[in-house]
Protein backbone atom coordinates (compact mmCIF):
# COMPACT_ATOMS: atom_id res chain seq x y z
CA MET A 1 -20.73 4.81 10.44
CA PRO A 2 -19.10 6.43 13.48
CA SER A 3 -19.50 10.17 13.92
CA SER A 4 -16.15 10.73 12.26
CA PHE A 5 -13.17 9.12 10.63
CA THR A 6 -10.80 10.22 7.91
CA PRO A 7 -9.46 7.77 5.31
CA ILE A 8 -5.73 8.17 4.67
CA PHE A 9 -4.59 6.72 1.34
CA ILE A 10 -0.92 5.70 1.17
CA PRO A 11 0.67 4.82 -2.20
CA GLY A 12 3.19 2.07 -2.81
CA LEU A 13 6.84 2.21 -3.85
CA ILE A 14 7.53 4.66 -6.72
CA LEU A 15 3.80 5.38 -7.10
CA THR A 16 1.64 8.47 -6.56
CA GLY A 17 -1.90 9.21 -5.45
CA ASP A 18 -3.20 8.33 -8.91
CA LEU A 19 -3.04 4.76 -7.66
CA PHE A 20 -6.18 5.54 -5.62
CA ALA A 21 -7.91 7.99 -7.96
CA ALA A 22 -11.05 5.88 -8.32
CA GLN A 23 -11.34 5.10 -4.63
CA MET A 24 -10.80 8.67 -3.46
CA ALA A 25 -13.45 9.87 -5.92
CA ASP A 26 -16.12 7.25 -5.26
CA LEU A 27 -15.89 6.16 -1.62
CA GLN A 28 -18.38 7.56 0.87
CA SER A 29 -16.82 8.50 4.22
CA PRO A 30 -17.66 10.95 7.03
CA TYR A 31 -14.71 13.18 6.17
CA PRO A 32 -12.93 13.72 2.83
CA PRO A 33 -10.05 11.32 2.25
CA GLN A 34 -6.48 12.51 2.61
CA LEU A 35 -3.46 11.44 0.57
CA ALA A 36 -0.23 10.61 2.37
CA ASN A 37 3.04 12.07 1.15
CA THR A 38 5.62 9.29 0.83
CA LEU A 39 8.24 11.47 -0.90
CA GLY A 40 11.35 12.97 0.67
CA ARG A 41 11.49 10.39 3.48
CA ASP A 42 13.76 7.37 3.93
CA SER A 43 11.93 5.94 6.96
CA ILE A 44 8.61 4.11 7.19
CA THR A 45 8.22 5.53 10.69
CA GLU A 46 8.64 9.10 9.43
CA MET A 47 6.07 8.45 6.70
CA ALA A 48 3.69 7.06 9.33
CA ARG A 49 4.10 10.08 11.61
CA ASP A 50 3.48 12.43 8.69
CA SER A 51 0.36 10.45 7.80
CA LEU A 52 -0.97 10.52 11.36
CA ALA A 53 -0.69 14.32 11.30
CA LEU A 54 -2.88 14.71 8.22
CA ALA A 55 -6.13 14.84 10.20
CA ASP A 56 -7.46 15.02 13.73
CA GLY A 57 -9.54 12.28 15.30
CA PRO A 58 -10.05 8.68 14.15
CA LEU A 59 -8.33 7.52 10.97
CA VAL A 60 -8.63 4.61 8.52
CA PRO A 61 -5.27 4.10 6.81
CA VAL A 62 -5.55 2.47 3.38
CA GLY A 63 -2.13 1.35 2.18
CA LEU A 64 -1.00 -0.62 -0.86
CA SER A 65 2.36 -2.43 -0.85
CA MET A 66 4.81 0.04 0.76
CA GLY A 67 1.73 2.00 1.77
CA GLY A 68 0.67 -1.04 3.76
CA TYR A 69 3.96 -0.94 5.65
CA VAL A 70 3.22 2.68 6.52
CA ALA A 71 -0.36 1.86 7.52
CA MET A 72 0.80 -0.90 9.89
CA GLU A 73 3.38 1.45 11.40
CA MET A 74 0.61 3.99 11.98
CA ALA A 75 -1.29 1.26 13.82
CA ARG A 76 1.78 0.47 15.91
CA LEU A 77 2.51 4.10 16.77
CA ALA A 78 -1.05 5.22 17.52
CA PRO A 79 -3.50 2.32 17.83
CA GLU A 80 -5.97 4.59 19.64
CA ARG A 81 -6.28 6.74 16.50
CA LEU A 82 -7.50 3.94 14.24
CA ALA A 83 -11.15 3.28 13.45
CA GLY A 84 -10.20 0.61 10.92
CA LEU A 85 -7.39 -0.45 8.61
CA ALA A 86 -7.09 -1.60 4.99
CA LEU A 87 -4.01 -3.50 3.82
CA LEU A 88 -3.82 -4.01 0.07
CA ASN A 89 -1.23 -6.17 -1.69
CA THR A 90 1.28 -5.93 1.13
CA ALA A 91 3.16 -7.99 3.73
CA HIS A 92 3.72 -7.75 7.45
CA ARG A 93 7.21 -9.25 7.80
CA ALA A 94 10.54 -7.58 7.09
CA ASP A 95 12.58 -8.67 4.07
CA ASP A 96 14.52 -11.91 4.34
CA GLU A 97 18.22 -11.89 3.50
CA ALA A 98 17.72 -12.75 -0.18
CA LYS A 99 15.19 -9.96 -0.60
CA ARG A 100 17.45 -7.51 1.22
CA LYS A 101 20.33 -8.30 -1.15
CA GLN A 102 18.04 -7.88 -4.14
CA ARG A 103 16.79 -4.54 -2.83
CA ALA A 104 20.34 -3.34 -2.10
CA ALA A 105 21.33 -4.21 -5.67
CA THR A 106 18.35 -2.25 -6.97
CA ILE A 107 19.42 0.76 -4.91
CA LYS A 108 22.97 0.52 -6.27
CA MET A 109 21.68 0.42 -9.83
CA ALA A 110 19.30 3.32 -9.18
CA GLU A 111 22.21 5.40 -7.95
CA SER A 112 24.16 4.71 -11.14
CA ASP A 113 23.80 5.96 -14.69
CA ARG A 114 22.33 2.59 -15.67
CA PHE A 115 19.04 3.35 -13.96
CA ARG A 116 16.16 3.57 -16.44
CA GLY A 117 13.27 3.64 -13.99
CA VAL A 118 10.48 1.09 -14.30
CA THR A 119 10.83 -0.54 -17.71
CA ARG A 120 8.09 -2.44 -19.49
CA HIS A 121 9.82 -5.67 -18.50
CA LEU A 122 9.78 -4.74 -14.81
CA LEU A 123 6.18 -3.63 -15.15
CA LYS A 124 5.19 -7.29 -15.52
CA SER A 125 5.80 -7.72 -11.79
CA PHE A 126 3.38 -4.85 -11.05
CA LEU A 127 0.51 -5.79 -13.34
CA SER A 128 -1.44 -8.85 -14.41
CA PRO A 129 -1.21 -9.92 -18.08
CA GLN A 130 -4.65 -8.43 -18.71
CA ALA A 131 -3.61 -5.07 -17.24
CA MET A 132 -0.34 -5.15 -19.19
CA ALA A 133 -2.45 -5.24 -22.36
CA ASP A 134 -4.32 -2.07 -21.30
CA ASP A 135 -2.35 0.86 -22.72
CA ALA A 136 -4.14 3.37 -20.49
CA VAL A 137 -3.22 1.48 -17.30
CA VAL A 138 0.39 1.05 -18.42
CA ALA A 139 0.65 4.76 -19.25
CA ARG A 140 -0.67 5.71 -15.80
CA VAL A 141 1.90 3.52 -14.06
CA PHE A 142 4.75 4.96 -16.14
CA ALA A 143 3.53 8.49 -15.38
CA MET A 144 3.49 7.76 -11.65
CA THR A 145 7.00 6.31 -11.62
CA GLU A 146 8.36 9.26 -13.59
CA ALA A 147 6.71 11.70 -11.18
CA VAL A 148 8.32 10.00 -8.16
CA GLY A 149 11.75 9.82 -9.79
CA ARG A 150 15.08 8.25 -8.98
CA THR A 151 15.92 10.11 -5.76
CA ASN A 152 12.64 9.32 -4.05
CA PHE A 153 12.77 5.73 -5.33
CA VAL A 154 16.11 5.26 -3.56
CA ARG A 155 14.79 6.87 -0.36
CA GLN A 156 11.73 4.63 -0.40
CA GLN A 157 13.84 1.51 -0.92
CA HIS A 158 15.97 2.46 2.10
CA ALA A 159 12.78 2.99 4.09
CA ILE A 160 11.51 -0.45 3.15
CA LEU A 161 14.83 -2.04 4.10
CA GLY A 162 14.53 -0.49 7.55
CA ARG A 163 10.97 -1.58 8.29
CA ARG A 164 10.06 -3.84 11.19
CA ASP A 165 8.07 -7.05 11.52
CA GLN A 166 4.48 -6.09 12.34
CA SER A 167 3.17 -9.47 13.50
CA ASP A 168 2.55 -8.19 17.02
CA THR A 169 0.84 -5.07 15.68
CA LEU A 170 -1.61 -7.14 13.65
CA ALA A 171 -2.28 -9.56 16.47
CA GLY A 172 -3.09 -6.64 18.77
CA MET A 173 -5.51 -4.88 16.42
CA GLN A 174 -8.78 -3.92 18.12
CA VAL A 175 -10.55 -2.60 14.99
CA PRO A 176 -11.81 -4.19 11.75
CA VAL A 177 -9.12 -4.83 9.15
CA LEU A 178 -9.55 -5.45 5.43
CA VAL A 179 -6.78 -7.56 3.90
CA LEU A 180 -6.97 -7.58 0.10
CA CYS A 181 -4.70 -9.00 -2.58
CA GLY A 182 -4.70 -9.86 -6.27
CA GLY A 183 -4.72 -13.55 -7.07
CA LEU A 184 -1.93 -12.98 -9.63
CA ASP A 185 0.22 -10.76 -7.40
CA THR A 186 3.80 -12.04 -7.63
CA LEU A 187 5.40 -9.30 -5.50
CA THR A 188 3.24 -9.91 -2.43
CA PRO A 189 1.54 -13.25 -3.18
CA PRO A 190 -1.90 -14.08 -1.76
CA ALA A 191 -0.39 -16.46 0.80
CA LEU A 192 1.05 -13.43 2.59
CA SER A 193 -2.40 -11.87 2.84
CA VAL A 194 -3.78 -15.14 4.19
CA ASP A 195 -1.09 -15.06 6.89
CA MET A 196 -1.86 -11.43 7.79
CA ALA A 197 -5.60 -12.01 7.99
CA GLY A 198 -4.97 -14.99 10.25
CA LEU A 199 -3.18 -12.79 12.77
CA VAL A 200 -5.90 -10.13 13.05
CA PRO A 201 -8.77 -10.79 15.47
CA ASP A 202 -11.36 -9.01 13.27
CA SER A 203 -10.27 -9.36 9.65
CA ARG A 204 -11.90 -9.76 6.25
CA LEU A 205 -9.79 -11.39 3.54
CA VAL A 206 -10.48 -10.58 -0.11
CA ILE A 207 -8.55 -12.23 -2.96
CA LEU A 208 -9.34 -10.80 -6.40
CA ASP A 209 -8.93 -13.37 -9.16
CA ASP A 210 -6.94 -12.39 -12.28
CA VAL A 211 -5.62 -9.21 -10.60
CA GLY A 212 -1.96 -8.35 -10.04
CA HIS A 213 -0.07 -6.19 -7.56
CA LEU A 214 -1.73 -2.84 -8.30
CA SER A 215 -5.25 -3.94 -7.40
CA SER A 216 -6.72 -0.47 -6.89
CA LEU A 217 -5.71 0.44 -10.45
CA GLU A 218 -6.50 -2.87 -12.12
CA ALA A 219 -9.82 -3.57 -10.39
CA PRO A 220 -11.01 -0.17 -9.15
CA GLN A 221 -14.66 -1.09 -8.65
CA ALA A 222 -13.89 -4.28 -6.73
CA VAL A 223 -11.42 -2.50 -4.45
CA THR A 224 -13.78 0.42 -3.91
CA GLY A 225 -16.55 -2.02 -3.04
CA ALA A 226 -14.40 -3.87 -0.51
CA LEU A 227 -13.32 -0.61 1.09
CA GLN A 228 -16.87 0.71 1.20
CA GLN A 229 -17.95 -2.44 3.01
CA LEU A 230 -15.24 -1.78 5.59
CA PHE A 231 -16.22 1.87 5.96
CA ASP A 232 -19.91 1.00 6.33
CA ALA A 233 -19.12 -1.42 9.15
CA LEU A 234 -17.24 1.12 11.25
């Protein structure tokens, strides 16, 4: 390990730090991990700047889904600060027009009285069938979404709509990058991770079979192991 680096864990859309509870407890790193605050901001760039300010010296951003967008923006803004990077269940390109329309419709509904948060039906896009059958996992996801709430959900959706394509950022990476995805992820399918890993000069691609979008929650030991391998190589 280098003399110092601080892991920065960045949750996904409408999720909290509980997403990384296992990893933050079990990973060995030179400095204690920090948790990014993704609330109260409607800009991925603002979230990235806040995250960069969490610690001095080298950082290893670990972002899942929206957190991955923030992690890549951190790499774009301050590449000299990064000792490594971990991108979990995420994507590097901006939304296409169909996805933008879908996200705009979600925002409109969230701003109306019809908004009911993340329902059990919607949860199927977050979790694999096996995880959906785990009452404890389902309860943790519901608790996270309730903690984030409607206002922050809308802000985060606006932030995601405004994000940039990070192809050039990934191609210019000068540090090791872990790209990890669940084999059953329907929100950010494995093909997207394959594309990202192909852009990075020094990447390791990990696809976890039978795991959905929330890999760190569904397969905590496997994700912790992959991250530890990254940390040990820095």
